[in-house]
Amino acid sequence: MDYSFSMGYEHNPARESLPSAASEALVSAWYRMQVQNAHLLQRLAVEHELNPIDLRALKFLGVDESPRTPKELATFLQVGSSLVSAVIERLESRQFIHRAPNPQDRRSTLLHLELRGVQVVEQLRSLYGRALSGLFGHPDQDAIVTATNQIEEGLRDAASF
């Protein structure tokens, strides 16, 4: 299989020098990891009686402690304003998030995680921590973090169209 699509870091000499068998093994391992991640997310969604898009919204809102606007959430979810409004209303009615006035823009609101939303995000981060625990203290941990950051950038580039 040809995996020569643009991932945003084509000029990485280490990446360009990989033999195709190593590339296939890496893509295959990544794919299997993503299948398991999807299974984990589905389990978490069922446990908290969330649908997948609502869980994705909580993940986005929990990336850091910065409040987000509905427009930012819609952009991340790649949905229109009516669907993002429905997501916000569902999450707010179940006390996963709350809206507050946006001091920068009177016409907009800011979305904040409530305690229930924080708990879901913390549970997911804890499950990820458990899955990654074998890498903690690994002699190449810095290289693993760098590679993970490169993958994040590549996925961000691949997702923007």
N, C-alpha and C. Protein backbone atom coordinates (compact mmCIF):
# COMPACT_ATOMS: atom_id res chain seq x y z
N MET A 1 0.83 -1.19 0.00
CA MET A 1 0.00 0.00 0.00
C MET A 1 0.87 1.24 0.00
N ASP A 2 0.39 2.25 -0.65
CA ASP A 2 1.13 3.50 -0.73
C ASP A 2 0.58 4.48 0.31
N TYR A 3 1.43 4.89 1.26
CA TYR A 3 1.04 5.84 2.30
C TYR A 3 1.80 7.14 2.11
N SER A 4 1.92 7.58 0.88
CA SER A 4 2.74 8.75 0.59
C SER A 4 1.95 10.06 0.63
N PHE A 5 0.75 10.06 1.20
CA PHE A 5 -0.03 11.29 1.29
C PHE A 5 0.64 12.27 2.24
N SER A 6 0.28 13.53 2.10
CA SER A 6 0.89 14.60 2.88
C SER A 6 0.38 14.58 4.31
N MET A 7 1.28 14.51 5.27
CA MET A 7 0.91 14.56 6.68
C MET A 7 1.51 15.78 7.36
N GLY A 8 2.09 16.70 6.60
CA GLY A 8 2.56 17.93 7.19
C GLY A 8 4.00 17.91 7.66
N TYR A 9 4.67 16.78 7.59
CA TYR A 9 6.07 16.75 8.01
C TYR A 9 6.88 15.91 7.02
N GLU A 10 6.65 16.17 5.72
CA GLU A 10 7.31 15.42 4.66
C GLU A 10 8.82 15.58 4.68
N HIS A 11 9.31 16.68 5.22
CA HIS A 11 10.73 16.97 5.17
C HIS A 11 11.50 16.32 6.32
N ASN A 12 10.88 15.42 7.03
CA ASN A 12 11.54 14.70 8.11
C ASN A 12 12.42 13.62 7.48
N PRO A 13 13.76 13.76 7.52
CA PRO A 13 14.63 12.79 6.87
C PRO A 13 14.46 11.38 7.42
N ALA A 14 14.19 11.25 8.71
CA ALA A 14 13.99 9.92 9.29
C ALA A 14 12.78 9.25 8.66
N ARG A 15 11.72 10.03 8.43
CA ARG A 15 10.51 9.47 7.84
C ARG A 15 10.77 9.04 6.40
N GLU A 16 11.49 9.86 5.65
CA GLU A 16 11.73 9.56 4.24
C GLU A 16 12.67 8.37 4.07
N SER A 17 13.48 8.07 5.07
CA SER A 17 14.42 6.97 4.93
C SER A 17 13.84 5.64 5.39
N LEU A 18 12.60 5.63 5.88
CA LEU A 18 12.01 4.38 6.32
C LEU A 18 11.73 3.47 5.14
N PRO A 19 12.10 2.20 5.25
CA PRO A 19 11.72 1.26 4.20
C PRO A 19 10.21 1.06 4.20
N SER A 20 9.65 0.67 3.07
CA SER A 20 8.19 0.56 2.97
C SER A 20 7.63 -0.47 3.93
N ALA A 21 8.35 -1.55 4.22
CA ALA A 21 7.85 -2.55 5.17
C ALA A 21 7.70 -1.94 6.55
N ALA A 22 8.65 -1.08 6.95
CA ALA A 22 8.54 -0.41 8.25
C ALA A 22 7.37 0.55 8.24
N SER A 23 7.15 1.24 7.12
CA SER A 23 6.00 2.15 7.01
C SER A 23 4.70 1.38 7.15
N GLU A 24 4.60 0.25 6.48
CA GLU A 24 3.39 -0.58 6.56
C GLU A 24 3.17 -1.06 7.99
N ALA A 25 4.24 -1.48 8.67
CA ALA A 25 4.10 -1.95 10.05
C ALA A 25 3.63 -0.82 10.96
N LEU A 26 4.16 0.39 10.75
CA LEU A 26 3.76 1.54 11.55
C LEU A 26 2.30 1.91 11.30
N VAL A 27 1.90 1.95 10.04
CA VAL A 27 0.51 2.28 9.71
C VAL A 27 -0.42 1.20 10.27
N SER A 28 -0.03 -0.04 10.17
CA SER A 28 -0.85 -1.14 10.69
C SER A 28 -0.99 -1.04 12.21
N ALA A 29 0.12 -0.77 12.89
CA ALA A 29 0.06 -0.62 14.36
C ALA A 29 -0.81 0.57 14.74
N TRP A 30 -0.66 1.67 14.01
CA TRP A 30 -1.48 2.87 14.28
C TRP A 30 -2.95 2.56 14.06
N TYR A 31 -3.27 1.85 12.99
CA TYR A 31 -4.65 1.51 12.68
C TYR A 31 -5.26 0.64 13.79
N ARG A 32 -4.51 -0.37 14.22
CA ARG A 32 -5.01 -1.24 15.31
C ARG A 32 -5.22 -0.44 16.59
N MET A 33 -4.31 0.50 16.87
CA MET A 33 -4.46 1.34 18.06
C MET A 33 -5.73 2.18 17.95
N GLN A 34 -6.00 2.72 16.77
CA GLN A 34 -7.20 3.53 16.57
C GLN A 34 -8.47 2.70 16.73
N VAL A 35 -8.44 1.45 16.28
CA VAL A 35 -9.61 0.57 16.47
C VAL A 35 -9.86 0.38 17.96
N GLN A 36 -8.79 0.14 18.73
CA GLN A 36 -8.96 -0.03 20.18
C GLN A 36 -9.41 1.26 20.84
N ASN A 37 -8.91 2.40 20.36
CA ASN A 37 -9.33 3.69 20.90
C ASN A 37 -10.82 3.90 20.64
N ALA A 38 -11.28 3.56 19.44
CA ALA A 38 -12.71 3.69 19.13
C ALA A 38 -13.54 2.81 20.06
N HIS A 39 -13.04 1.61 20.34
CA HIS A 39 -13.74 0.71 21.26
C HIS A 39 -13.78 1.31 22.67
N LEU A 40 -12.67 1.87 23.12
CA LEU A 40 -12.61 2.51 24.44
C LEU A 40 -13.59 3.68 24.51
N LEU A 41 -13.61 4.51 23.48
CA LEU A 41 -14.52 5.67 23.47
C LEU A 41 -15.98 5.22 23.47
N GLN A 42 -16.28 4.16 22.73
CA GLN A 42 -17.66 3.67 22.72
C GLN A 42 -18.04 3.15 24.10
N ARG A 43 -17.12 2.44 24.76
CA ARG A 43 -17.40 1.95 26.11
C ARG A 43 -17.68 3.10 27.07
N LEU A 44 -16.88 4.15 26.97
CA LEU A 44 -17.06 5.32 27.83
C LEU A 44 -18.38 6.03 27.51
N ALA A 45 -18.71 6.14 26.24
CA ALA A 45 -19.97 6.77 25.85
C ALA A 45 -21.16 6.00 26.41
N VAL A 46 -21.12 4.68 26.30
CA VAL A 46 -22.22 3.85 26.82
C VAL A 46 -22.30 4.00 28.34
N GLU A 47 -21.16 3.97 29.00
CA GLU A 47 -21.13 4.08 30.46
C GLU A 47 -21.78 5.38 30.94
N HIS A 48 -21.57 6.45 30.21
CA HIS A 48 -22.10 7.76 30.62
C HIS A 48 -23.37 8.15 29.86
N GLU A 49 -23.90 7.20 29.10
CA GLU A 49 -25.12 7.43 28.31
C GLU A 49 -24.98 8.65 27.41
N LEU A 50 -23.86 8.70 26.71
CA LEU A 50 -23.57 9.77 25.76
C LEU A 50 -23.54 9.18 24.35
N ASN A 51 -23.92 9.96 23.37
CA ASN A 51 -23.70 9.49 22.01
C ASN A 51 -22.29 9.91 21.60
N PRO A 52 -21.74 9.30 20.55
CA PRO A 52 -20.34 9.57 20.19
C PRO A 52 -20.03 11.05 19.93
N ILE A 53 -20.92 11.78 19.29
CA ILE A 53 -20.62 13.19 19.01
C ILE A 53 -20.59 14.01 20.30
N ASP A 54 -21.43 13.67 21.27
CA ASP A 54 -21.41 14.38 22.55
C ASP A 54 -20.10 14.10 23.30
N LEU A 55 -19.62 12.86 23.22
CA LEU A 55 -18.35 12.53 23.85
C LEU A 55 -17.21 13.26 23.15
N ARG A 56 -17.25 13.34 21.83
CA ARG A 56 -16.22 14.11 21.10
C ARG A 56 -16.24 15.56 21.53
N ALA A 57 -17.42 16.11 21.75
CA ALA A 57 -17.53 17.51 22.21
C ALA A 57 -16.87 17.66 23.58
N LEU A 58 -17.13 16.73 24.49
CA LEU A 58 -16.52 16.81 25.82
C LEU A 58 -15.00 16.69 25.72
N LYS A 59 -14.51 15.78 24.87
CA LYS A 59 -13.06 15.65 24.68
C LYS A 59 -12.47 16.97 24.22
N PHE A 60 -13.11 17.62 23.25
CA PHE A 60 -12.61 18.90 22.74
C PHE A 60 -12.63 19.96 23.84
N LEU A 61 -13.72 20.04 24.57
CA LEU A 61 -13.82 21.05 25.63
C LEU A 61 -12.85 20.77 26.77
N GLY A 62 -12.41 19.52 26.90
CA GLY A 62 -11.50 19.14 27.98
C GLY A 62 -10.03 19.12 27.60
N VAL A 63 -9.70 19.58 26.38
CA VAL A 63 -8.30 19.59 25.96
C VAL A 63 -7.46 20.43 26.91
N ASP A 64 -7.99 21.56 27.29
CA ASP A 64 -7.34 22.41 28.29
C ASP A 64 -8.44 23.12 29.06
N GLU A 65 -8.08 24.04 29.90
CA GLU A 65 -9.08 24.69 30.75
C GLU A 65 -9.69 25.93 30.10
N SER A 66 -9.34 26.20 28.86
CA SER A 66 -9.88 27.37 28.17
C SER A 66 -11.32 27.12 27.75
N PRO A 67 -12.21 28.07 28.05
CA PRO A 67 -13.58 27.92 27.55
C PRO A 67 -13.58 28.08 26.03
N ARG A 68 -14.53 27.47 25.38
CA ARG A 68 -14.64 27.51 23.92
C ARG A 68 -15.98 28.11 23.52
N THR A 69 -16.02 28.66 22.33
CA THR A 69 -17.28 29.18 21.81
C THR A 69 -18.02 28.06 21.08
N PRO A 70 -19.33 28.21 20.92
CA PRO A 70 -20.06 27.24 20.11
C PRO A 70 -19.50 27.13 18.68
N LYS A 71 -19.03 28.24 18.14
CA LYS A 71 -18.46 28.21 16.79
C LYS A 71 -17.20 27.35 16.74
N GLU A 72 -16.34 27.47 17.76
CA GLU A 72 -15.14 26.63 17.81
C GLU A 72 -15.51 25.16 17.91
N LEU A 73 -16.53 24.87 18.71
CA LEU A 73 -16.98 23.48 18.85
C LEU A 73 -17.54 22.98 17.52
N ALA A 74 -18.33 23.79 16.84
CA ALA A 74 -18.89 23.40 15.54
C ALA A 74 -17.77 23.13 14.53
N THR A 75 -16.75 23.98 14.54
CA THR A 75 -15.62 23.79 13.63
C THR A 75 -14.92 22.48 13.93
N PHE A 76 -14.68 22.20 15.21
CA PHE A 76 -14.02 20.94 15.57
C PHE A 76 -14.86 19.74 15.16
N LEU A 77 -16.14 19.79 15.45
CA LEU A 77 -17.02 18.66 15.13
C LEU A 77 -17.37 18.60 13.65
N GLN A 78 -17.07 19.67 12.92
CA GLN A 78 -17.37 19.79 11.50
C GLN A 78 -18.87 19.61 11.25
N VAL A 79 -19.65 20.39 12.02
CA VAL A 79 -21.11 20.37 11.89
C VAL A 79 -21.61 21.81 11.82
N GLY A 80 -22.85 21.95 11.43
CA GLY A 80 -23.47 23.27 11.35
C GLY A 80 -23.96 23.76 12.69
N SER A 81 -24.46 24.99 12.68
CA SER A 81 -24.88 25.63 13.93
C SER A 81 -26.08 24.93 14.57
N SER A 82 -27.01 24.40 13.78
CA SER A 82 -28.18 23.75 14.39
C SER A 82 -27.78 22.46 15.10
N LEU A 83 -26.87 21.68 14.50
CA LEU A 83 -26.45 20.44 15.16
C LEU A 83 -25.61 20.75 16.40
N VAL A 84 -24.71 21.73 16.32
CA VAL A 84 -23.91 22.04 17.50
C VAL A 84 -24.80 22.59 18.61
N SER A 85 -25.85 23.32 18.26
CA SER A 85 -26.79 23.81 19.28
C SER A 85 -27.47 22.65 19.98
N ALA A 86 -27.83 21.62 19.22
CA ALA A 86 -28.45 20.43 19.82
C ALA A 86 -27.48 19.71 20.75
N VAL A 87 -26.22 19.60 20.33
CA VAL A 87 -25.19 18.98 21.18
C VAL A 87 -25.06 19.76 22.48
N ILE A 88 -24.94 21.08 22.37
CA ILE A 88 -24.78 21.93 23.56
C ILE A 88 -25.99 21.79 24.48
N GLU A 89 -27.17 21.82 23.92
CA GLU A 89 -28.38 21.70 24.75
C GLU A 89 -28.44 20.35 25.47
N ARG A 90 -28.08 19.26 24.76
CA ARG A 90 -28.08 17.94 25.41
C ARG A 90 -27.08 17.91 26.56
N LEU A 91 -25.87 18.39 26.30
CA LEU A 91 -24.83 18.35 27.34
C LEU A 91 -25.16 19.28 28.50
N GLU A 92 -25.74 20.42 28.20
CA GLU A 92 -26.10 21.37 29.26
C GLU A 92 -27.26 20.83 30.09
N SER A 93 -28.25 20.23 29.45
CA SER A 93 -29.41 19.71 30.20
C SER A 93 -29.02 18.56 31.12
N ARG A 94 -27.92 17.87 30.77
CA ARG A 94 -27.45 16.75 31.61
C ARG A 94 -26.30 17.18 32.52
N GLN A 95 -26.05 18.47 32.59
CA GLN A 95 -25.06 19.08 33.48
C GLN A 95 -23.62 18.61 33.22
N PHE A 96 -23.29 18.39 31.95
CA PHE A 96 -21.91 18.12 31.57
C PHE A 96 -21.18 19.43 31.27
N ILE A 97 -21.92 20.44 30.80
CA ILE A 97 -21.34 21.74 30.47
C ILE A 97 -22.31 22.84 30.91
N HIS A 98 -21.81 24.07 30.90
CA HIS A 98 -22.71 25.22 31.05
C HIS A 98 -22.21 26.34 30.14
N ARG A 99 -23.15 27.19 29.78
CA ARG A 99 -22.84 28.35 28.94
C ARG A 99 -22.71 29.58 29.84
N ALA A 100 -21.82 30.45 29.46
CA ALA A 100 -21.65 31.73 30.17
C ALA A 100 -21.48 32.81 29.12
N PRO A 101 -21.83 34.05 29.46
CA PRO A 101 -21.65 35.14 28.50
C PRO A 101 -20.17 35.28 28.10
N ASN A 102 -19.95 35.61 26.85
CA ASN A 102 -18.60 35.83 26.35
C ASN A 102 -18.25 37.30 26.54
N PRO A 103 -17.30 37.62 27.43
CA PRO A 103 -16.97 39.03 27.68
C PRO A 103 -16.36 39.72 26.45
N GLN A 104 -15.84 38.95 25.50
CA GLN A 104 -15.24 39.51 24.29
C GLN A 104 -16.27 39.79 23.19
N ASP A 105 -17.43 39.12 23.28
CA ASP A 105 -18.43 39.23 22.22
C ASP A 105 -19.81 39.01 22.82
N ARG A 106 -20.58 40.07 22.94
CA ARG A 106 -21.90 39.98 23.58
C ARG A 106 -22.85 39.03 22.85
N ARG A 107 -22.60 38.79 21.57
CA ARG A 107 -23.50 37.92 20.79
C ARG A 107 -23.18 36.45 20.98
N SER A 108 -22.09 36.13 21.65
CA SER A 108 -21.64 34.75 21.78
C SER A 108 -21.63 34.31 23.24
N THR A 109 -21.51 33.02 23.42
CA THR A 109 -21.35 32.46 24.76
C THR A 109 -20.06 31.66 24.80
N LEU A 110 -19.65 31.32 26.00
CA LEU A 110 -18.50 30.45 26.21
C LEU A 110 -18.99 29.16 26.85
N LEU A 111 -18.41 28.06 26.43
CA LEU A 111 -18.77 26.75 26.95
C LEU A 111 -17.73 26.31 27.97
N HIS A 112 -18.20 25.92 29.14
CA HIS A 112 -17.34 25.46 30.23
C HIS A 112 -17.79 24.06 30.64
N LEU A 113 -16.82 23.22 31.01
CA LEU A 113 -17.17 21.92 31.55
C LEU A 113 -17.71 22.07 32.96
N GLU A 114 -18.77 21.35 33.26
CA GLU A 114 -19.26 21.21 34.64
C GLU A 114 -18.52 20.04 35.27
N LEU A 115 -18.76 19.80 36.54
CA LEU A 115 -18.09 18.70 37.24
C LEU A 115 -18.29 17.37 36.52
N ARG A 116 -19.51 17.08 36.08
CA ARG A 116 -19.76 15.81 35.37
C ARG A 116 -18.91 15.71 34.11
N GLY A 117 -18.78 16.80 33.37
CA GLY A 117 -17.96 16.80 32.16
C GLY A 117 -16.49 16.61 32.48
N VAL A 118 -16.03 17.29 33.53
CA VAL A 118 -14.64 17.14 33.97
C VAL A 118 -14.37 15.69 34.36
N GLN A 119 -15.31 15.06 35.04
CA GLN A 119 -15.13 13.67 35.46
C GLN A 119 -15.00 12.73 34.27
N VAL A 120 -15.78 12.95 33.22
CA VAL A 120 -15.67 12.11 32.02
C VAL A 120 -14.30 12.30 31.38
N VAL A 121 -13.87 13.54 31.23
CA VAL A 121 -12.57 13.83 30.62
C VAL A 121 -11.45 13.23 31.48
N GLU A 122 -11.53 13.38 32.79
CA GLU A 122 -10.50 12.82 33.67
C GLU A 122 -10.49 11.29 33.60
N GLN A 123 -11.66 10.68 33.49
CA GLN A 123 -11.72 9.22 33.36
C GLN A 123 -11.04 8.79 32.07
N LEU A 124 -11.30 9.49 30.99
CA LEU A 124 -10.67 9.15 29.71
C LEU A 124 -9.16 9.33 29.79
N ARG A 125 -8.72 10.44 30.37
CA ARG A 125 -7.28 10.67 30.51
C ARG A 125 -6.63 9.59 31.38
N SER A 126 -7.34 9.16 32.42
CA SER A 126 -6.84 8.10 33.28
C SER A 126 -6.72 6.78 32.51
N LEU A 127 -7.72 6.48 31.69
CA LEU A 127 -7.67 5.26 30.88
C LEU A 127 -6.53 5.33 29.87
N TYR A 128 -6.32 6.50 29.28
CA TYR A 128 -5.18 6.67 28.38
C TYR A 128 -3.87 6.50 29.15
N GLY A 129 -3.81 7.06 30.35
CA GLY A 129 -2.62 6.92 31.18
C GLY A 129 -2.30 5.46 31.47
N ARG A 130 -3.34 4.69 31.78
CA ARG A 130 -3.15 3.26 32.02
C ARG A 130 -2.63 2.56 30.77
N ALA A 131 -3.20 2.92 29.62
CA ALA A 131 -2.77 2.30 28.37
C ALA A 131 -1.31 2.65 28.03
N LEU A 132 -0.88 3.84 28.40
CA LEU A 132 0.47 4.30 28.09
C LEU A 132 1.48 4.03 29.20
N SER A 133 1.03 3.46 30.30
CA SER A 133 1.90 3.32 31.48
C SER A 133 3.18 2.55 31.20
N GLY A 134 3.17 1.65 30.25
CA GLY A 134 4.38 0.92 29.91
C GLY A 134 5.46 1.80 29.30
N LEU A 135 5.08 2.98 28.86
CA LEU A 135 6.05 3.91 28.27
C LEU A 135 6.61 4.91 29.27
N PHE A 136 5.99 5.01 30.44
CA PHE A 136 6.46 5.97 31.45
C PHE A 136 7.85 5.55 31.90
N GLY A 137 8.77 6.50 31.87
CA GLY A 137 10.14 6.21 32.28
C GLY A 137 10.95 5.49 31.21
N HIS A 138 10.38 5.25 30.05
CA HIS A 138 11.08 4.59 28.95
C HIS A 138 12.28 5.45 28.56
N PRO A 139 13.43 4.83 28.26
CA PRO A 139 14.61 5.63 27.91
C PRO A 139 14.38 6.56 26.72
N ASP A 140 13.48 6.20 25.83
CA ASP A 140 13.19 7.03 24.66
C ASP A 140 11.91 7.84 24.83
N GLN A 141 11.51 8.12 26.07
CA GLN A 141 10.24 8.81 26.31
C GLN A 141 10.18 10.16 25.60
N ASP A 142 11.27 10.91 25.60
CA ASP A 142 11.27 12.21 24.91
C ASP A 142 11.03 12.04 23.41
N ALA A 143 11.64 11.02 22.82
CA ALA A 143 11.44 10.76 21.39
C ALA A 143 10.00 10.32 21.13
N ILE A 144 9.42 9.57 22.05
CA ILE A 144 8.03 9.13 21.90
C ILE A 144 7.10 10.34 21.96
N VAL A 145 7.36 11.27 22.88
CA VAL A 145 6.54 12.49 22.98
C VAL A 145 6.69 13.31 21.70
N THR A 146 7.91 13.43 21.20
CA THR A 146 8.14 14.17 19.95
C THR A 146 7.38 13.52 18.79
N ALA A 147 7.47 12.20 18.69
CA ALA A 147 6.76 11.49 17.62
C ALA A 147 5.25 11.66 17.75
N THR A 148 4.76 11.60 18.98
CA THR A 148 3.32 11.78 19.21
C THR A 148 2.89 13.18 18.80
N ASN A 149 3.70 14.19 19.11
CA ASN A 149 3.39 15.56 18.69
C ASN A 149 3.39 15.69 17.17
N GLN A 150 4.32 15.00 16.50
CA GLN A 150 4.35 15.02 15.03
C GLN A 150 3.10 14.35 14.46
N ILE A 151 2.67 13.27 15.08
CA ILE A 151 1.45 12.59 14.64
C ILE A 151 0.25 13.51 14.82
N GLU A 152 0.20 14.21 15.96
CA GLU A 152 -0.90 15.16 16.19
C GLU A 152 -0.94 16.22 15.08
N GLU A 153 0.23 16.78 14.76
CA GLU A 153 0.29 17.79 13.70
C GLU A 153 -0.15 17.21 12.36
N GLY A 154 0.30 16.01 12.07
CA GLY A 154 -0.08 15.36 10.82
C GLY A 154 -1.56 15.09 10.74
N LEU A 155 -2.15 14.65 11.84
CA LEU A 155 -3.59 14.41 11.87
C LEU A 155 -4.36 15.71 11.73
N ARG A 156 -3.87 16.77 12.37
CA ARG A 156 -4.53 18.08 12.25
C ARG A 156 -4.52 18.53 10.79
N ASP A 157 -3.36 18.37 10.13
CA ASP A 157 -3.26 18.75 8.72
C ASP A 157 -4.17 17.88 7.85
N ALA A 158 -4.19 16.59 8.12
CA ALA A 158 -5.01 15.68 7.32
C ALA A 158 -6.50 15.96 7.51
N ALA A 159 -6.88 16.42 8.71
CA ALA A 159 -8.30 16.67 9.01
C ALA A 159 -8.78 18.01 8.47
N SER A 160 -7.86 18.91 8.16
CA SER A 160 -8.28 20.23 7.66
C SER A 160 -8.39 20.15 6.14
N PHE A 161 -9.57 20.47 5.68
CA PHE A 161 -9.79 20.45 4.22
C PHE A 161 -10.56 21.64 3.76
